């Protein structure tokens, strides 16, 4: 990458974009951070003065919306690489704000690629941030049938509290396995569908245009700087905000659903490796910790660090489109980019909580978000009258 060229990061003022920018600036690279400063993420009056990086001489800030075709002529000047992070996120919200999610995630990506196809530019690489949500339930191991890919759990299963997916071949309960990139894709939400559509657009266009592209499927990214305002995504942010206010933590299903929590610094390292190396060109790569942790365990670990007297209860509630388990097979990214996660969950939570303590307590907006989902039939509104303390 030529030293005089710039790296454009869309969604650049989000916590992943800022971490990628820090690594690039530390390496002496120029960075353009483009962001629409969504109020849902940044608040009604975003205050960037708390971010020293935005005042760095190697950093430019451009406010813009990826859906606007005219934004690319302004932001792609002298840019050699694009890290496309900008997206609407949140599984539940995507199910009733279908146009907004599709216009931003699919339309915004199409707008970028359309500009690259029809105008002179200096872009020589595109990095796309996709999501593990494209897998749906992902890979499971059945003792009888081997590796299988169960369909999403039905509403009737969830209402009968049959939480664990069944083997699609023999009908027996299967155990979660590390999901590789070659797994069957089965989006179960509009958000997931838009991420898979992004992948197809970037893969096809990059081949046609001769621009190398790397697609990263992020697991559950957390860390310092993530939005504490958004009630639709970021389980650690939601829980930490509730713990600081002494509010009851409502754990869905039986609290044993699990996720692969990966620290933002590891995600940023993977992105930069994809930028500076050609080893991942043309590939779709998982980025995660490669370890499953239950929601109940995450809640306990946060409470150990934040303290407080919040009760944790298992409500039996469930949301449409939620997966049961998921964690990444990291074999391919290790082979292509030499990537391995460096921040353990314990260290990452220590860092996250230390940062949270420096932030103001945000109003808990989860109840409002939950009511929206229940009203639209996207979430079970019934809570067990006898809750169980975790």
Protein backbone atom coordinates (compact mmCIF):
# COMPACT_ATOMS: atom_id res chain seq x y z
CA UNK A 1 0.00 0.00 0.00
CA UNK A 2 1.50 3.31 -1.10
CA UNK A 3 2.35 5.55 1.80
CA UNK A 4 0.72 8.57 0.15
CA UNK A 5 -2.60 6.76 -0.30
CA UNK A 6 -5.39 6.70 2.23
CA UNK A 7 -7.58 4.07 3.81
CA UNK A 8 -11.29 4.90 3.87
CA UNK A 9 -13.23 3.36 6.76
CA UNK A 10 -17.00 3.59 6.39
CA UNK A 11 -18.74 3.56 9.74
CA UNK A 12 -15.38 4.82 10.85
CA UNK A 13 -16.51 6.49 14.08
CA UNK A 14 -17.91 3.25 15.46
CA UNK A 15 -15.82 1.33 17.94
CA UNK A 16 -14.48 -1.17 15.39
CA UNK A 17 -13.65 1.56 12.90
CA UNK A 18 -11.85 3.62 15.52
CA UNK A 19 -9.76 0.64 16.61
CA UNK A 20 -8.79 -0.14 13.01
CA UNK A 21 -7.90 3.52 12.51
CA UNK A 22 -5.66 3.51 15.60
CA UNK A 23 -3.65 0.62 14.26
CA UNK A 24 -3.29 2.23 10.85
CA UNK A 25 -2.31 5.63 12.25
CA UNK A 26 0.26 3.97 14.52
CA UNK A 27 1.72 2.54 11.30
CA UNK A 28 1.88 6.01 9.76
CA UNK A 29 -1.02 5.57 7.36
CA UNK A 30 -3.55 8.23 6.43
CA UNK A 31 -7.15 7.42 7.31
CA UNK A 32 -10.49 8.85 6.25
CA UNK A 33 -13.31 8.11 8.70
CA UNK A 34 -16.74 8.38 7.09
CA UNK A 35 -19.82 8.04 9.31
CA UNK A 36 -23.42 9.21 9.32
CA UNK A 37 -23.27 9.58 13.14
CA UNK A 38 -26.50 7.67 13.70
CA UNK A 39 -28.31 8.94 16.80
CA UNK A 40 -29.16 5.37 17.80
CA UNK A 41 -25.45 4.62 18.17
CA UNK A 42 -23.82 7.96 18.93
CA UNK A 43 -26.65 9.84 20.63
CA UNK A 44 -28.66 12.84 19.45
CA UNK A 45 -25.69 15.19 19.88
CA UNK A 46 -22.52 13.18 19.19
CA UNK A 47 -19.46 14.46 21.05
CA UNK A 48 -16.28 13.48 19.24
CA UNK A 49 -14.11 15.68 21.43
CA UNK A 50 -13.54 12.71 23.74
CA UNK A 51 -11.78 10.87 20.91
CA UNK A 52 -8.18 12.14 20.63
CA UNK A 53 -7.72 10.15 17.44
CA UNK A 54 -10.07 12.40 15.48
CA UNK A 55 -7.65 15.30 15.98
CA UNK A 56 -4.65 13.37 14.67
CA UNK A 57 -2.94 14.89 11.64
CA UNK A 58 -3.28 11.62 9.71
CA UNK A 59 -7.06 11.43 10.24
CA UNK A 60 -9.80 13.07 8.21
CA UNK A 61 -13.45 13.01 9.31
CA UNK A 62 -16.19 13.03 6.69
CA UNK A 63 -19.86 12.93 7.62
CA UNK A 64 -21.76 11.04 4.97
CA UNK A 65 -24.30 8.34 4.29
CA UNK A 66 -23.30 5.30 2.24
CA UNK A 67 -26.73 5.36 0.57
CA UNK A 68 -25.92 8.69 -1.14
CA UNK A 69 -24.22 8.09 -4.52
CA UNK A 70 -22.55 11.50 -4.37
CA UNK A 71 -20.69 10.67 -1.18
CA UNK A 72 -18.18 8.42 -2.93
CA UNK A 73 -16.70 11.07 -5.22
CA UNK A 74 -15.92 13.15 -2.13
CA UNK A 75 -14.55 10.37 0.05
CA UNK A 76 -12.67 8.11 -2.37
CA UNK A 77 -10.22 10.74 -3.64
CA UNK A 78 -6.66 9.35 -3.28
CA UNK A 79 -8.01 6.34 -1.38
CA UNK A 80 -6.22 3.06 -1.99
CA UNK A 81 -8.29 0.77 0.26
CA UNK A 82 -11.84 0.70 1.59
CA UNK A 83 -12.80 -0.94 4.88
CA UNK A 84 -16.56 -1.16 4.62
CA UNK A 85 -17.97 -1.36 8.15
CA UNK A 86 -21.01 0.90 7.82
CA UNK A 87 -24.22 -1.03 8.45
CA UNK A 88 -27.46 -1.06 10.35
CA UNK A 89 -27.14 -3.72 13.06
CA UNK A 90 -29.62 -5.51 15.28
CA UNK A 91 -31.44 -8.72 14.45
CA UNK A 92 -34.79 -7.89 16.06
CA UNK A 93 -35.06 -4.34 14.77
CA UNK A 94 -34.25 -5.48 11.24
CA UNK A 95 -37.43 -7.56 11.16
CA UNK A 96 -39.66 -4.46 11.12
CA UNK A 97 -37.34 -1.81 9.66
CA UNK A 98 -36.77 -3.85 6.55
CA UNK A 99 -36.39 -0.97 4.11
CA UNK A 100 -33.86 0.90 6.24
CA UNK A 101 -31.69 -2.16 6.80
CA UNK A 102 -31.83 -3.16 3.15
CA UNK A 103 -31.22 0.34 1.82
CA UNK A 104 -28.21 0.89 4.09
CA UNK A 105 -26.57 -2.52 4.08
CA UNK A 106 -27.35 -3.70 0.55
CA UNK A 107 -28.01 -0.37 -1.14
CA UNK A 108 -25.00 1.32 0.46
CA UNK A 109 -22.69 -1.49 -0.61
CA UNK A 110 -24.15 -1.43 -4.12
CA UNK A 111 -23.61 2.33 -4.27
CA UNK A 112 -19.92 1.92 -3.39
CA UNK A 113 -19.41 -0.82 -5.97
CA UNK A 114 -21.34 1.13 -8.61
CA UNK A 115 -18.96 4.05 -8.16
CA UNK A 116 -15.93 1.79 -8.46
CA UNK A 117 -17.35 0.24 -11.63
CA UNK A 118 -18.13 3.51 -13.38
CA UNK A 119 -15.52 6.05 -12.30
CA UNK A 120 -11.77 6.46 -12.23
CA UNK A 121 -10.37 5.73 -8.80
CA UNK A 122 -7.25 4.48 -7.02
CA UNK A 123 -8.89 1.74 -4.92
CA UNK A 124 -6.87 -1.48 -4.95
CA UNK A 125 -8.54 -3.42 -2.13
CA UNK A 126 -11.92 -3.72 -0.42
CA UNK A 127 -12.51 -5.19 3.03
CA UNK A 128 -16.09 -6.07 3.93
CA UNK A 129 -17.34 -6.58 7.47
CA UNK A 130 -19.93 -9.34 7.35
CA UNK A 131 -21.39 -11.36 10.19
CA UNK A 132 -21.62 -14.87 11.57
CA UNK A 133 -25.39 -14.39 11.38
CA UNK A 134 -25.28 -15.55 7.75
CA UNK A 135 -24.84 -19.12 9.04
CA UNK A 136 -28.09 -19.22 10.99
CA UNK A 137 -27.62 -21.95 13.57
CA UNK A 138 -24.30 -22.99 12.04
CA UNK A 139 -22.57 -26.32 12.56
CA UNK A 140 -23.61 -29.00 15.04
CA UNK A 141 -22.29 -32.46 15.79
CA UNK A 142 -24.71 -35.36 15.88
CA UNK A 143 -23.37 -38.57 17.41
CA UNK A 144 -25.15 -40.58 14.76
CA UNK A 145 -24.89 -38.39 11.65
CA UNK A 146 -21.70 -36.36 12.13
CA UNK A 147 -21.55 -32.64 11.28
CA UNK A 148 -24.99 -31.29 10.41
CA UNK A 149 -26.59 -27.90 9.87
CA UNK A 150 -29.92 -27.68 11.69
CA UNK A 151 -32.61 -25.30 10.46
CA UNK A 152 -33.67 -22.45 12.66
CA UNK A 153 -35.78 -23.43 15.63
CA UNK A 154 -39.51 -23.03 15.07
CA UNK A 155 -41.81 -20.92 17.21
CA UNK A 156 -43.60 -24.06 18.35
CA UNK A 157 -40.30 -25.55 19.57
CA UNK A 158 -39.50 -22.39 21.49
CA UNK A 159 -42.96 -22.17 23.04
CA UNK A 160 -42.49 -25.74 24.30
CA UNK A 161 -39.06 -24.67 25.62
CA UNK A 162 -37.29 -27.10 23.31
CA UNK A 163 -34.26 -24.86 23.17
CA UNK A 164 -31.65 -27.11 21.58
CA UNK A 165 -31.69 -27.63 17.79
CA UNK A 166 -32.30 -31.12 16.47
CA UNK A 167 -30.30 -33.04 13.91
CA UNK A 168 -32.09 -32.55 10.55
CA UNK A 169 -31.23 -36.14 9.58
CA UNK A 170 -32.27 -38.25 12.58
CA UNK A 171 -34.11 -35.80 14.82
CA UNK A 172 -31.86 -36.30 17.84
CA UNK A 173 -30.39 -33.43 19.85
CA UNK A 174 -27.03 -32.29 18.44
CA UNK A 175 -24.18 -30.37 20.10
CA UNK A 176 -22.77 -27.09 18.82
CA UNK A 177 -19.53 -27.36 16.83
CA UNK A 178 -17.11 -24.79 15.50
CA UNK A 179 -18.59 -23.38 12.30
CA UNK A 180 -16.25 -23.19 9.28
CA UNK A 181 -16.60 -20.79 6.37
CA UNK A 182 -17.76 -23.62 4.09
CA UNK A 183 -20.83 -24.17 6.29
CA UNK A 184 -24.29 -23.89 4.81
CA UNK A 185 -25.55 -20.30 4.98
CA UNK A 186 -29.08 -19.90 6.31
CA UNK A 187 -29.96 -16.32 7.31
CA UNK A 188 -32.85 -16.17 9.77
CA UNK A 189 -33.29 -12.39 10.00
CA UNK A 190 -33.43 -9.46 7.60
CA UNK A 191 -30.13 -8.27 9.07
CA UNK A 192 -28.48 -11.60 8.29
CA UNK A 193 -29.98 -11.63 4.80
CA UNK A 194 -28.56 -8.16 4.09
CA UNK A 195 -25.09 -9.24 5.27
CA UNK A 196 -25.13 -12.26 2.97
CA UNK A 197 -26.32 -10.05 0.11
CA UNK A 198 -23.38 -7.71 0.81
CA UNK A 199 -21.03 -10.68 0.55
CA UNK A 200 -22.43 -11.70 -2.83
CA UNK A 201 -22.21 -8.16 -4.18
CA UNK A 202 -18.61 -7.67 -3.06
CA UNK A 203 -17.48 -11.10 -4.21
CA UNK A 204 -18.97 -10.78 -7.69
CA UNK A 205 -18.05 -7.12 -8.25
CA UNK A 206 -14.49 -7.48 -6.98
CA UNK A 207 -13.85 -10.35 -9.37
CA UNK A 208 -15.36 -8.43 -12.27
CA UNK A 209 -13.45 -5.23 -11.48
CA UNK A 210 -10.17 -6.93 -10.62
CA UNK A 211 -10.10 -5.40 -7.14
CA UNK A 212 -8.99 -7.86 -4.44
CA UNK A 213 -11.52 -8.21 -1.64
CA UNK A 214 -11.52 -9.87 1.77
CA UNK A 215 -14.79 -10.67 3.51
CA UNK A 216 -14.68 -11.06 7.29
CA UNK A 217 -17.50 -12.75 9.18
CA UNK A 218 -17.35 -11.20 12.64
CA UNK A 219 -18.58 -13.06 15.69
CA UNK A 220 -19.92 -11.09 18.71
CA UNK A 221 -17.55 -8.14 18.89
CA UNK A 222 -17.22 -6.27 22.18
CA UNK A 223 -14.82 -3.87 23.81
CA UNK A 224 -13.98 -0.37 24.86
CA UNK A 225 -15.78 2.33 22.90
CA UNK A 226 -18.82 0.32 21.86
CA UNK A 227 -22.14 2.09 22.00
CA UNK A 228 -23.80 2.05 25.42
CA UNK A 229 -26.84 3.80 23.95
CA UNK A 230 -28.11 1.21 21.46
CA UNK A 231 -30.66 -1.19 23.01
CA UNK A 232 -30.90 -3.37 19.91
CA UNK A 233 -27.42 -4.86 19.84
CA UNK A 234 -24.42 -5.45 22.10
CA UNK A 235 -25.33 -7.77 24.96
CA UNK A 236 -22.35 -6.68 27.09
CA UNK A 237 -23.32 -3.03 26.75
CA UNK A 238 -26.92 -3.78 27.69
CA UNK A 239 -25.99 -5.91 30.70
CA UNK A 240 -23.34 -3.51 31.99
CA UNK A 241 -25.75 -0.59 31.81
CA UNK A 242 -28.38 -2.55 33.75
CA UNK A 243 -25.87 -3.73 36.35
CA UNK A 244 -24.74 -0.19 37.04
CA UNK A 245 -28.36 0.79 37.72
CA UNK A 246 -29.15 -2.24 39.87
CA UNK A 247 -31.81 -3.39 37.41
CA UNK A 248 -32.88 -7.01 37.07
CA UNK A 249 -31.09 -8.83 34.27
CA UNK A 250 -33.57 -10.78 32.16
CA UNK A 251 -31.87 -13.83 30.63
CA UNK A 252 -33.81 -15.22 27.68
CA UNK A 253 -34.68 -18.87 27.08
CA UNK A 254 -32.90 -20.94 29.76
CA UNK A 255 -29.83 -18.62 29.79
CA UNK A 256 -27.61 -21.33 28.30
CA UNK A 257 -27.52 -20.02 24.75
CA UNK A 258 -23.92 -19.23 23.84
CA UNK A 259 -21.90 -16.91 21.63
CA UNK A 260 -18.32 -16.38 20.49
CA UNK A 261 -17.24 -13.11 22.13
CA UNK A 262 -14.21 -11.54 20.43
CA UNK A 263 -12.47 -8.39 21.61
CA UNK A 264 -12.43 -5.41 19.28
CA UNK A 265 -8.63 -5.21 19.28
CA UNK A 266 -8.42 -8.72 17.83
CA UNK A 267 -11.00 -7.85 15.19
CA UNK A 268 -9.07 -4.73 14.22
CA UNK A 269 -5.85 -6.75 13.93
CA UNK A 270 -7.56 -9.16 11.58
CA UNK A 271 -8.81 -6.30 9.41
CA UNK A 272 -5.36 -4.72 9.18
CA UNK A 273 -3.81 -8.09 8.32
CA UNK A 274 -6.33 -8.35 5.51
CA UNK A 275 -5.31 -4.90 4.28
CA UNK A 276 -1.54 -5.29 4.31
CA UNK A 277 -1.33 -8.92 3.20
CA UNK A 278 -2.55 -10.56 0.02
CA UNK A 279 -3.01 -13.87 1.81
CA UNK A 280 -6.72 -13.33 2.36
CA UNK A 281 -7.54 -11.85 -1.04
CA UNK A 282 -10.63 -13.45 -2.51
CA UNK A 283 -11.43 -15.23 0.76
CA UNK A 284 -14.26 -15.21 3.26
CA UNK A 285 -12.84 -15.56 6.76
CA UNK A 286 -14.26 -16.02 10.24
CA UNK A 287 -13.06 -13.63 12.93
CA UNK A 288 -13.73 -14.73 16.49
CA UNK A 289 -12.24 -16.13 19.65
CA UNK A 290 -13.08 -19.69 18.68
CA UNK A 291 -14.71 -20.24 22.06
CA UNK A 292 -18.37 -20.44 23.09
CA UNK A 293 -19.53 -18.70 26.26
CA UNK A 294 -23.07 -18.85 27.60
CA UNK A 295 -25.11 -15.71 28.14
CA UNK A 296 -25.48 -16.62 31.81
CA UNK A 297 -21.71 -16.89 32.18
CA UNK A 298 -21.17 -13.50 30.55
CA UNK A 299 -23.70 -11.93 32.92
CA UNK A 300 -21.97 -13.45 35.94
CA UNK A 301 -18.51 -12.37 34.77
CA UNK A 302 -19.73 -8.82 34.27
CA UNK A 303 -21.37 -8.72 37.69
CA UNK A 304 -18.18 -9.98 39.34
CA UNK A 305 -16.37 -6.99 37.85
CA UNK A 306 -19.04 -4.30 38.18
CA UNK A 307 -20.58 -5.41 41.46
CA UNK A 308 -24.04 -4.26 42.43
CA UNK A 309 -27.09 -6.10 43.65
CA UNK A 310 -28.88 -6.80 40.37
CA UNK A 311 -30.88 -10.01 40.27
CA UNK A 312 -30.39 -12.29 37.32
CA UNK A 313 -33.43 -14.27 36.35
CA UNK A 314 -34.28 -16.77 33.67
CA UNK A 315 -37.54 -15.68 32.08
CA UNK A 316 -38.06 -18.25 29.35
CA UNK A 317 -38.74 -15.43 26.87
CA UNK A 318 -37.41 -15.80 23.35
CA UNK A 319 -36.96 -13.71 20.22
CA UNK A 320 -37.66 -14.70 16.64
CA UNK A 321 -34.48 -15.16 14.63
CA UNK A 322 -32.17 -15.75 17.59
CA UNK A 323 -29.75 -18.63 17.22
CA UNK A 324 -29.05 -21.05 20.06
CA UNK A 325 -25.27 -21.40 19.86
CA UNK A 326 -22.44 -20.27 17.64
CA UNK A 327 -18.67 -20.16 17.62
CA UNK A 328 -16.09 -19.89 14.88
CA UNK A 329 -13.68 -22.33 13.31
CA UNK A 330 -10.55 -20.18 12.90
CA UNK A 331 -8.49 -22.64 10.85
CA UNK A 332 -8.80 -20.73 7.58
CA UNK A 333 -7.92 -17.26 8.87
CA UNK A 334 -4.98 -18.77 10.72
CA UNK A 335 -3.74 -20.35 7.49
CA UNK A 336 -4.39 -17.34 5.23
CA UNK A 337 -3.38 -14.44 7.48
CA UNK A 338 -1.59 -16.03 10.44
CA UNK A 339 -4.29 -14.63 12.70
CA UNK A 340 -5.03 -15.94 16.17
CA UNK A 341 -6.93 -14.08 18.91
CA UNK A 342 -4.68 -12.60 21.58
CA UNK A 343 -7.11 -11.10 24.10
CA UNK A 344 -8.69 -13.67 26.42
CA UNK A 345 -12.29 -13.18 27.48
CA UNK A 346 -11.17 -12.47 31.03
CA UNK A 347 -8.69 -9.79 29.97
CA UNK A 348 -11.14 -8.35 27.48
CA UNK A 349 -13.86 -8.02 30.11
CA UNK A 350 -11.42 -6.37 32.51
CA UNK A 351 -10.59 -3.80 29.86
CA UNK A 352 -14.21 -3.32 28.87
CA UNK A 353 -15.40 -2.83 32.45
CA UNK A 354 -12.56 -0.41 33.26
CA UNK A 355 -13.69 1.69 30.29
CA UNK A 356 -17.40 1.41 31.19
CA UNK A 357 -16.65 2.85 34.63
CA UNK A 358 -15.40 6.04 32.93
CA UNK A 359 -18.66 6.50 31.02
CA UNK A 360 -21.90 8.06 32.17
CA UNK A 361 -24.75 5.68 32.93
CA UNK A 362 -27.15 5.63 30.02
CA UNK A 363 -30.92 5.29 30.43
CA UNK A 364 -31.98 1.67 30.06
CA UNK A 365 -33.84 1.57 26.75
CA UNK A 366 -34.19 -2.21 26.58
CA UNK A 367 -37.78 -2.21 27.84
CA UNK A 368 -38.81 0.08 24.99
CA UNK A 369 -37.04 -2.08 22.44
CA UNK A 370 -38.62 -5.20 23.93
CA UNK A 371 -42.11 -3.73 23.78
CA UNK A 372 -41.60 -2.94 20.10
CA UNK A 373 -40.64 -6.55 19.38
CA UNK A 374 -43.53 -7.98 21.41
CA UNK A 375 -46.04 -5.65 19.75
CA UNK A 376 -44.92 -6.91 16.35
CA UNK A 377 -45.05 -10.57 17.32
CA UNK A 378 -41.25 -10.91 17.07
CA UNK A 379 -40.75 -11.78 20.72
CA UNK A 380 -42.58 -13.86 23.27
CA UNK A 381 -44.22 -11.42 25.67
CA UNK A 382 -44.84 -13.96 28.41
CA UNK A 383 -42.44 -14.06 31.34
CA UNK A 384 -42.54 -16.94 33.78
CA UNK A 385 -44.17 -15.88 37.04
CA UNK A 386 -41.62 -17.84 39.03
CA UNK A 387 -38.19 -16.78 37.87
CA UNK A 388 -35.03 -18.63 38.80
CA UNK A 389 -32.01 -16.77 40.13
CA UNK A 390 -28.79 -17.57 38.28
